[in-house]
Amino acid sequence: MSAFAFRESEKLHFRPDDEVLGICRAVKPARRVPDAREIETLAKELRDKYGLMLEEIWHDGLTLGGLFQRVQQARGKPVAA
């Protein structure tokens, strides 16, 4: 998730059930509305790398695990239930 500019060691703290929106809020807790730049950067990376359109799968409860699942599907990889 380079969209959020986390160090490699910080990335190890994430869980599949962490919500993307929750991460945005945690990065900038003083803001009521998350900074759209991180989401836009994430959307661009997903589109460029995997052909995945974030706006087509987005919902406020989207988790990292759910996002990973959609990336795997976009890559044509089987996804375990």
PDB file of N, CA and C in Angstrom:
ATOM      1  N   MET A   1       0.829  -1.179   0.000  1.00  0.00           N
ATOM      2  CA  MET A   1       0.000   0.000   0.000  1.00  0.00           C
ATOM      3  C   MET A   1       0.873   1.241   0.000  1.00  0.00           C
ATOM      4  N   SER A   2       1.529   1.445  -1.060  1.00  0.00           N
ATOM      5  CA  SER A   2       2.381   2.628  -1.143  1.00  0.00           C
ATOM      6  C   SER A   2       1.565   3.914  -1.172  1.00  0.00           C
ATOM      7  N   ALA A   3       0.266   3.810  -1.424  1.00  0.00           N
ATOM      8  CA  ALA A   3      -0.595   4.995  -1.435  1.00  0.00           C
ATOM      9  C   ALA A   3      -0.567   5.709  -0.091  1.00  0.00           C
ATOM     10  N   PHE A   4      -0.290   4.980   0.975  1.00  0.00           N
ATOM     11  CA  PHE A   4      -0.289   5.565   2.302  1.00  0.00           C
ATOM     12  C   PHE A   4       1.113   5.821   2.841  1.00  0.00           C
ATOM     13  N   ALA A   5       2.129   5.493   2.091  1.00  0.00           N
ATOM     14  CA  ALA A   5       3.529   5.753   2.437  1.00  0.00           C
ATOM     15  C   ALA A   5       3.935   5.151   3.782  1.00  0.00           C
ATOM     16  N   PHE A   6       3.521   3.918   4.033  1.00  0.00           N
ATOM     17  CA  PHE A   6       3.941   3.235   5.246  1.00  0.00           C
ATOM     18  C   PHE A   6       5.307   2.607   5.047  1.00  0.00           C
ATOM     19  N   ARG A   7       6.093   2.580   6.121  1.00  0.00           N
ATOM     20  CA  ARG A   7       7.370   1.862   6.078  1.00  0.00           C
ATOM     21  C   ARG A   7       7.068   0.369   6.062  1.00  0.00           C
ATOM     22  N   GLU A   8       8.021  -0.409   5.569  1.00  0.00           N
ATOM     23  CA  GLU A   8       7.840  -1.865   5.485  1.00  0.00           C
ATOM     24  C   GLU A   8       7.485  -2.454   6.850  1.00  0.00           C
ATOM     25  N   SER A   9       8.147  -1.996   7.909  1.00  0.00           N
ATOM     26  CA  SER A   9       7.880  -2.535   9.245  1.00  0.00           C
ATOM     27  C   SER A   9       6.465  -2.203   9.711  1.00  0.00           C
ATOM     28  N   GLU A  10       5.919  -1.087   9.283  1.00  0.00           N
ATOM     29  CA  GLU A  10       4.562  -0.707   9.664  1.00  0.00           C
ATOM     30  C   GLU A  10       3.522  -1.570   8.954  1.00  0.00           C
ATOM     31  N   LYS A  11       3.828  -1.992   7.758  1.00  0.00           N
ATOM     32  CA  LYS A  11       2.884  -2.795   6.979  1.00  0.00           C
ATOM     33  C   LYS A  11       2.597  -4.135   7.651  1.00  0.00           C
ATOM     34  N   LEU A  12       3.519  -4.598   8.466  1.00  0.00           N
ATOM     35  CA  LEU A  12       3.353  -5.888   9.129  1.00  0.00           C
ATOM     36  C   LEU A  12       2.296  -5.852  10.232  1.00  0.00           C
ATOM     37  N   HIS A  13       1.829  -4.685  10.597  1.00  0.00           N
ATOM     38  CA  HIS A  13       0.835  -4.551  11.658  1.00  0.00           C
ATOM     39  C   HIS A  13      -0.602  -4.647  11.151  1.00  0.00           C
ATOM     40  N   PHE A  14      -0.798  -4.669   9.846  1.00  0.00           N
ATOM     41  CA  PHE A  14      -2.143  -4.710   9.293  1.00  0.00           C
ATOM     42  C   PHE A  14      -2.711  -6.111   9.324  1.00  0.00           C
ATOM     43  N   ARG A  15      -4.040  -6.160   9.414  1.00  0.00           N
ATOM     44  CA  ARG A  15      -4.762  -7.430   9.425  1.00  0.00           C
ATOM     45  C   ARG A  15      -5.744  -7.437   8.263  1.00  0.00           C
ATOM     46  N   PRO A  16      -6.139  -8.606   7.789  1.00  0.00           N
ATOM     47  CA  PRO A  16      -7.105  -8.680   6.683  1.00  0.00           C
ATOM     48  C   PRO A  16      -8.438  -7.998   6.989  1.00  0.00           C
ATOM     49  N   ASP A  17      -8.818  -7.940   8.267  1.00  0.00           N
ATOM     50  CA  ASP A  17     -10.098  -7.326   8.604  1.00  0.00           C
ATOM     51  C   ASP A  17     -10.004  -5.822   8.866  1.00  0.00           C
ATOM     52  N   ASP A  18      -8.822  -5.234   8.692  1.00  0.00           N
ATOM     53  CA  ASP A  18      -8.676  -3.779   8.793  1.00  0.00           C
ATOM     54  C   ASP A  18      -9.386  -3.127   7.615  1.00  0.00           C
ATOM     55  N   GLU A  19     -10.172  -2.113   7.909  1.00  0.00           N
ATOM     56  CA  GLU A  19     -10.900  -1.407   6.856  1.00  0.00           C
ATOM     57  C   GLU A  19     -10.033  -0.324   6.234  1.00  0.00           C
ATOM     58  N   VAL A  20     -10.087  -0.215   4.921  1.00  0.00           N
ATOM     59  CA  VAL A  20      -9.304   0.786   4.201  1.00  0.00           C
ATOM     60  C   VAL A  20      -9.649   2.181   4.723  1.00  0.00           C
ATOM     61  N   LEU A  21     -10.919   2.454   4.905  1.00  0.00           N
ATOM     62  CA  LEU A  21     -11.351   3.753   5.409  1.00  0.00           C
ATOM     63  C   LEU A  21     -10.843   3.979   6.829  1.00  0.00           C
ATOM     64  N   GLY A  22     -10.819   2.953   7.635  1.00  0.00           N
ATOM     65  CA  GLY A  22     -10.289   3.051   8.991  1.00  0.00           C
ATOM     66  C   GLY A  22      -8.815   3.388   8.995  1.00  0.00           C
ATOM     67  N   ILE A  23      -8.071   2.822   8.045  1.00  0.00           N
ATOM     68  CA  ILE A  23      -6.645   3.140   7.925  1.00  0.00           C
ATOM     69  C   ILE A  23      -6.477   4.603   7.558  1.00  0.00           C
ATOM     70  N   CYS A  24      -7.298   5.073   6.629  1.00  0.00           N
ATOM     71  CA  CYS A  24      -7.241   6.485   6.238  1.00  0.00           C
ATOM     72  C   CYS A  24      -7.481   7.388   7.437  1.00  0.00           C
ATOM     73  N   ARG A  25      -8.464   7.031   8.230  1.00  0.00           N
ATOM     74  CA  ARG A  25      -8.790   7.841   9.408  1.00  0.00           C
ATOM     75  C   ARG A  25      -7.685   7.769  10.453  1.00  0.00           C
ATOM     76  N   ALA A  26      -7.045   6.632  10.586  1.00  0.00           N
ATOM     77  CA  ALA A  26      -5.969   6.487  11.561  1.00  0.00           C
ATOM     78  C   ALA A  26      -4.733   7.293  11.163  1.00  0.00           C
ATOM     79  N   VAL A  27      -4.494   7.400   9.858  1.00  0.00           N
ATOM     80  CA  VAL A  27      -3.341   8.151   9.369  1.00  0.00           C
ATOM     81  C   VAL A  27      -3.490   9.635   9.691  1.00  0.00           C
ATOM     82  N   LYS A  28      -4.701  10.141   9.527  1.00  0.00           N
ATOM     83  CA  LYS A  28      -4.963  11.557   9.777  1.00  0.00           C
ATOM     84  C   LYS A  28      -6.167  11.673  10.716  1.00  0.00           C
ATOM     85  N   PRO A  29      -5.974  11.379  12.006  1.00  0.00           N
ATOM     86  CA  PRO A  29      -7.107  11.320  12.931  1.00  0.00           C
ATOM     87  C   PRO A  29      -7.812  12.658  13.154  1.00  0.00           C
ATOM     88  N   ALA A  30      -7.168  13.768  12.904  1.00  0.00           N
ATOM     89  CA  ALA A  30      -7.797  15.068  13.142  1.00  0.00           C
ATOM     90  C   ALA A  30      -8.825  15.410  12.070  1.00  0.00           C
ATOM     91  N   ARG A  31      -8.785  14.710  10.950  1.00  0.00           N
ATOM     92  CA  ARG A  31      -9.719  14.995   9.856  1.00  0.00           C
ATOM     93  C   ARG A  31     -10.965  14.136   9.993  1.00  0.00           C
ATOM     94  N   ARG A  32     -12.115  14.751   9.839  1.00  0.00           N
ATOM     95  CA  ARG A  32     -13.361  13.986   9.885  1.00  0.00           C
ATOM     96  C   ARG A  32     -13.549  13.197   8.601  1.00  0.00           C
ATOM     97  N   VAL A  33     -13.135  13.796   7.488  1.00  0.00           N
ATOM     98  CA  VAL A  33     -13.240  13.140   6.188  1.00  0.00           C
ATOM     99  C   VAL A  33     -11.818  12.774   5.754  1.00  0.00           C
ATOM    100  N   PRO A  34     -11.578  11.526   5.392  1.00  0.00           N
ATOM    101  CA  PRO A  34     -10.228  11.125   4.989  1.00  0.00           C
ATOM    102  C   PRO A  34      -9.734  11.928   3.789  1.00  0.00           C
ATOM    103  N   ASP A  35      -8.441  12.108   3.720  1.00  0.00           N
ATOM    104  CA  ASP A  35      -7.811  12.804   2.614  1.00  0.00           C
ATOM    105  C   ASP A  35      -7.991  11.978   1.346  1.00  0.00           C
ATOM    106  N   ALA A  36      -8.587  12.570   0.355  1.00  0.00           N
ATOM    107  CA  ALA A  36      -8.877  11.857  -0.891  1.00  0.00           C
ATOM    108  C   ALA A  36      -7.616  11.477  -1.652  1.00  0.00           C
ATOM    109  N   ARG A  37      -6.505  12.135  -1.377  1.00  0.00           N
ATOM    110  CA  ARG A  37      -5.272  11.826  -2.127  1.00  0.00           C
ATOM    111  C   ARG A  37      -4.829  10.387  -1.933  1.00  0.00           C
ATOM    112  N   GLU A  38      -4.912   9.882  -0.704  1.00  0.00           N
ATOM    113  CA  GLU A  38      -4.505   8.490  -0.471  1.00  0.00           C
ATOM    114  C   GLU A  38      -5.408   7.529  -1.241  1.00  0.00           C
ATOM    115  N   ILE A  39      -6.710   7.791  -1.203  1.00  0.00           N
ATOM    116  CA  ILE A  39      -7.654   6.926  -1.916  1.00  0.00           C
ATOM    117  C   ILE A  39      -7.431   7.021  -3.414  1.00  0.00           C
ATOM    118  N   GLU A  40      -7.207   8.229  -3.915  1.00  0.00           N
ATOM    119  CA  GLU A  40      -6.957   8.412  -5.349  1.00  0.00           C
ATOM    120  C   GLU A  40      -5.676   7.697  -5.772  1.00  0.00           C
ATOM    121  N   THR A  41      -4.646   7.783  -4.942  1.00  0.00           N
ATOM    122  CA  THR A  41      -3.386   7.108  -5.250  1.00  0.00           C
ATOM    123  C   THR A  41      -3.579   5.598  -5.240  1.00  0.00           C
ATOM    124  N   LEU A  42      -4.308   5.101  -4.249  1.00  0.00           N
ATOM    125  CA  LEU A  42      -4.604   3.669  -4.184  1.00  0.00           C
ATOM    126  C   LEU A  42      -5.389   3.237  -5.421  1.00  0.00           C
ATOM    127  N   ALA A  43      -6.399   4.018  -5.800  1.00  0.00           N
ATOM    128  CA  ALA A  43      -7.205   3.695  -6.979  1.00  0.00           C
ATOM    129  C   ALA A  43      -6.344   3.644  -8.233  1.00  0.00           C
ATOM    130  N   LYS A  44      -5.438   4.602  -8.374  1.00  0.00           N
ATOM    131  CA  LYS A  44      -4.557   4.638  -9.550  1.00  0.00           C
ATOM    132  C   LYS A  44      -3.631   3.431  -9.567  1.00  0.00           C
ATOM    133  N   GLU A  45      -3.057   3.086  -8.415  1.00  0.00           N
ATOM    134  CA  GLU A  45      -2.165   1.923  -8.343  1.00  0.00           C
ATOM    135  C   GLU A  45      -2.905   0.637  -8.689  1.00  0.00           C
ATOM    136  N   LEU A  46      -4.113   0.477  -8.175  1.00  0.00           N
ATOM    137  CA  LEU A  46      -4.898  -0.722  -8.471  1.00  0.00           C
ATOM    138  C   LEU A  46      -5.248  -0.799  -9.953  1.00  0.00           C
ATOM    139  N   ARG A  47      -5.602   0.340 -10.532  1.00  0.00           N
ATOM    140  CA  ARG A  47      -5.953   0.377 -11.964  1.00  0.00           C
ATOM    141  C   ARG A  47      -4.721   0.077 -12.818  1.00  0.00           C
ATOM    142  N   ASP A  48      -3.599   0.722 -12.502  1.00  0.00           N
ATOM    143  CA  ASP A  48      -2.387   0.562 -13.309  1.00  0.00           C
ATOM    144  C   ASP A  48      -1.779  -0.840 -13.180  1.00  0.00           C
ATOM    145  N   LYS A  49      -1.743  -1.374 -11.963  1.00  0.00           N
ATOM    146  CA  LYS A  49      -1.103  -2.675 -11.738  1.00  0.00           C
ATOM    147  C   LYS A  49      -1.992  -3.859 -12.090  1.00  0.00           C
ATOM    148  N   TYR A  50      -3.294  -3.736 -11.765  1.00  0.00           N
ATOM    149  CA  TYR A  50      -4.169  -4.912 -11.861  1.00  0.00           C
ATOM    150  C   TYR A  50      -5.391  -4.716 -12.746  1.00  0.00           C
ATOM    151  N   GLY A  51      -5.590  -3.514 -13.262  1.00  0.00           N
ATOM    152  CA  GLY A  51      -6.775  -3.242 -14.059  1.00  0.00           C
ATOM    153  C   GLY A  51      -8.045  -3.236 -13.219  1.00  0.00           C
ATOM    154  N   LEU A  52      -7.891  -3.054 -11.921  1.00  0.00           N
ATOM    155  CA  LEU A  52      -9.011  -3.077 -10.982  1.00  0.00           C
ATOM    156  C   LEU A  52      -9.487  -1.655 -10.720  1.00  0.00           C
ATOM    157  N   MET A  53     -10.773  -1.436 -10.898  1.00  0.00           N
ATOM    158  CA  MET A  53     -11.359  -0.116 -10.693  1.00  0.00           C
ATOM    159  C   MET A  53     -11.912  -0.042  -9.266  1.00  0.00           C
ATOM    160  N   LEU A  54     -11.219   0.694  -8.412  1.00  0.00           N
ATOM    161  CA  LEU A  54     -11.608   0.788  -7.011  1.00  0.00           C
ATOM    162  C   LEU A  54     -13.034   1.302  -6.852  1.00  0.00           C
ATOM    163  N   GLU A  55     -13.425   2.256  -7.685  1.00  0.00           N
ATOM    164  CA  GLU A  55     -14.767   2.821  -7.547  1.00  0.00           C
ATOM    165  C   GLU A  55     -15.862   1.781  -7.803  1.00  0.00           C
ATOM    166  N   GLU A  56     -15.543   0.708  -8.506  1.00  0.00           N
ATOM    167  CA  GLU A  56     -16.527  -0.343  -8.784  1.00  0.00           C
ATOM    168  C   GLU A  56     -16.713  -1.297  -7.601  1.00  0.00           C
ATOM    169  N   ILE A  57     -15.727  -1.375  -6.730  1.00  0.00           N
ATOM    170  CA  ILE A  57     -15.809  -2.304  -5.600  1.00  0.00           C
ATOM    171  C   ILE A  57     -15.888  -1.592  -4.261  1.00  0.00           C
ATOM    172  N   TRP A  58     -15.757  -0.268  -4.270  1.00  0.00           N
ATOM    173  CA  TRP A  58     -15.675   0.490  -3.028  1.00  0.00           C
ATOM    174  C   TRP A  58     -16.981   0.450  -2.234  1.00  0.00           C
ATOM    175  N   HIS A  59     -16.830   0.279  -0.946  1.00  0.00           N
ATOM    176  CA  HIS A  59     -17.888   0.519   0.044  1.00  0.00           C
ATOM    177  C   HIS A  59     -17.169   0.869   1.333  1.00  0.00           C
ATOM    178  N   ASP A  60     -17.846   1.563   2.228  1.00  0.00           N
ATOM    179  CA  ASP A  60     -17.185   2.082   3.426  1.00  0.00           C
ATOM    180  C   ASP A  60     -16.555   0.993   4.289  1.00  0.00           C
ATOM    181  N   GLY A  61     -17.065  -0.221   4.218  1.00  0.00           N
ATOM    182  CA  GLY A  61     -16.526  -1.310   5.026  1.00  0.00           C
ATOM    183  C   GLY A  61     -15.499  -2.170   4.313  1.00  0.00           C
ATOM    184  N   LEU A  62     -14.986  -1.716   3.170  1.00  0.00           N
ATOM    185  CA  LEU A  62     -14.009  -2.506   2.411  1.00  0.00           C
ATOM    186  C   LEU A  62     -12.777  -2.771   3.268  1.00  0.00           C
ATOM    187  N   THR A  63     -12.447  -4.040   3.414  1.00  0.00           N
ATOM    188  CA  THR A  63     -11.293  -4.435   4.225  1.00  0.00           C
ATOM    189  C   THR A  63     -10.085  -4.724   3.343  1.00  0.00           C
ATOM    190  N   LEU A  64      -8.929  -4.803   3.978  1.00  0.00           N
ATOM    191  CA  LEU A  64      -7.730  -5.176   3.224  1.00  0.00           C
ATOM    192  C   LEU A  64      -7.873  -6.581   2.655  1.00  0.00           C
ATOM    193  N   GLY A  65      -8.483  -7.479   3.434  1.00  0.00           N
ATOM    194  CA  GLY A  65      -8.714  -8.835   2.944  1.00  0.00           C
ATOM    195  C   GLY A  65      -9.639  -8.855   1.739  1.00  0.00           C
ATOM    196  N   GLY A  66     -10.688  -8.058   1.790  1.00  0.00           N
ATOM    197  CA  GLY A  66     -11.609  -7.960   0.659  1.00  0.00           C
ATOM    198  C   GLY A  66     -10.933  -7.374  -0.559  1.00  0.00           C
ATOM    199  N   LEU A  67     -10.092  -6.380  -0.332  1.00  0.00           N
ATOM    200  CA  LEU A  67      -9.348  -5.770  -1.431  1.00  0.00           C
ATOM    201  C   LEU A  67      -8.365  -6.774  -2.024  1.00  0.00           C
ATOM    202  N   PHE A  68      -7.681  -7.519  -1.170  1.00  0.00           N
ATOM    203  CA  PHE A  68      -6.755  -8.546  -1.640  1.00  0.00           C
ATOM    204  C   PHE A  68      -7.490  -9.592  -2.476  1.00  0.00           C
ATOM    205  N   GLN A  69      -8.656  -9.978  -2.014  1.00  0.00           N
ATOM    206  CA  GLN A  69      -9.456 -10.958  -2.755  1.00  0.00           C
ATOM    207  C   GLN A  69      -9.797 -10.438  -4.149  1.00  0.00           C
ATOM    208  N   ARG A  70     -10.201  -9.186  -4.251  1.00  0.00           N
ATOM    209  CA  ARG A  70     -10.545  -8.607  -5.548  1.00  0.00           C
ATOM    210  C   ARG A  70      -9.323  -8.486  -6.444  1.00  0.00           C
ATOM    211  N   VAL A  71      -8.167  -8.178  -5.869  1.00  0.00           N
ATOM    212  CA  VAL A  71      -6.936  -8.113  -6.657  1.00  0.00           C
ATOM    213  C   VAL A  71      -6.614  -9.496  -7.213  1.00  0.00           C
ATOM    214  N   GLN A  72      -6.745 -10.521  -6.385  1.00  0.00           N
ATOM    215  CA  GLN A  72      -6.474 -11.889  -6.837  1.00  0.00           C
ATOM    216  C   GLN A  72      -7.419 -12.270  -7.970  1.00  0.00           C
ATOM    217  N   GLN A  73      -8.690 -11.904  -7.844  1.00  0.00           N
ATOM    218  CA  GLN A  73      -9.649 -12.192  -8.899  1.00  0.00           C
ATOM    219  C   GLN A  73      -9.278 -11.462 -10.187  1.00  0.00           C
ATOM    220  N   ALA A  74      -8.861 -10.200 -10.058  1.00  0.00           N
ATOM    221  CA  ALA A  74      -8.453  -9.418 -11.229  1.00  0.00           C
ATOM    222  C   ALA A  74      -7.230 -10.037 -11.900  1.00  0.00           C
ATOM    223  N   ARG A  75      -6.391 -10.665 -11.112  1.00  0.00           N
ATOM    224  CA  ARG A  75      -5.190 -11.315 -11.665  1.00  0.00           C
ATOM    225  C   ARG A  75      -5.496 -12.706 -12.193  1.00  0.00           C
ATOM    226  N   GLY A  76      -6.734 -13.151 -12.052  1.00  0.00           N
ATOM    227  CA  GLY A  76      -7.104 -14.469 -12.553  1.00  0.00           C
ATOM    228  C   GLY A  76      -6.682 -15.601 -11.641  1.00  0.00           C
ATOM    229  N   LYS A  77      -6.411 -15.289 -10.393  1.00  0.00           N
ATOM    230  CA  LYS A  77      -5.996 -16.311  -9.435  1.00  0.00           C
ATOM    231  C   LYS A  77      -7.210 -16.837  -8.680  1.00  0.00           C
ATOM    232  N   PRO A  78      -7.234 -18.128  -8.398  1.00  0.00           N
ATOM    233  CA  PRO A  78      -8.347 -18.654  -7.607  1.00  0.00           C
ATOM    234  C   PRO A  78      -8.281 -18.104  -6.174  1.00  0.00           C
ATOM    235  N   VAL A  79      -9.443 -17.857  -5.608  1.00  0.00           N
ATOM    236  CA  VAL A  79      -9.516 -17.300  -4.262  1.00  0.00           C
ATOM    237  C   VAL A  79     -10.202 -18.310  -3.362  1.00  0.00           C
ATOM    238  N   ALA A  80      -9.554 -18.622  -2.237  1.00  0.00           N
ATOM    239  CA  ALA A  80     -10.138 -19.541  -1.281  1.00  0.00           C
ATOM    240  C   ALA A  80     -11.296 -18.874  -0.562  1.00  0.00           C
ATOM    241  N   ALA A  81     -12.315 -19.629  -0.270  1.00  0.00           N
ATOM    242  CA  ALA A  81     -13.497 -19.065   0.413  1.00  0.00           C
ATOM    243  C   ALA A  81     -13.266 -18.874   1.870  1.00  0.00           C
TER     244      ALA A  81
END
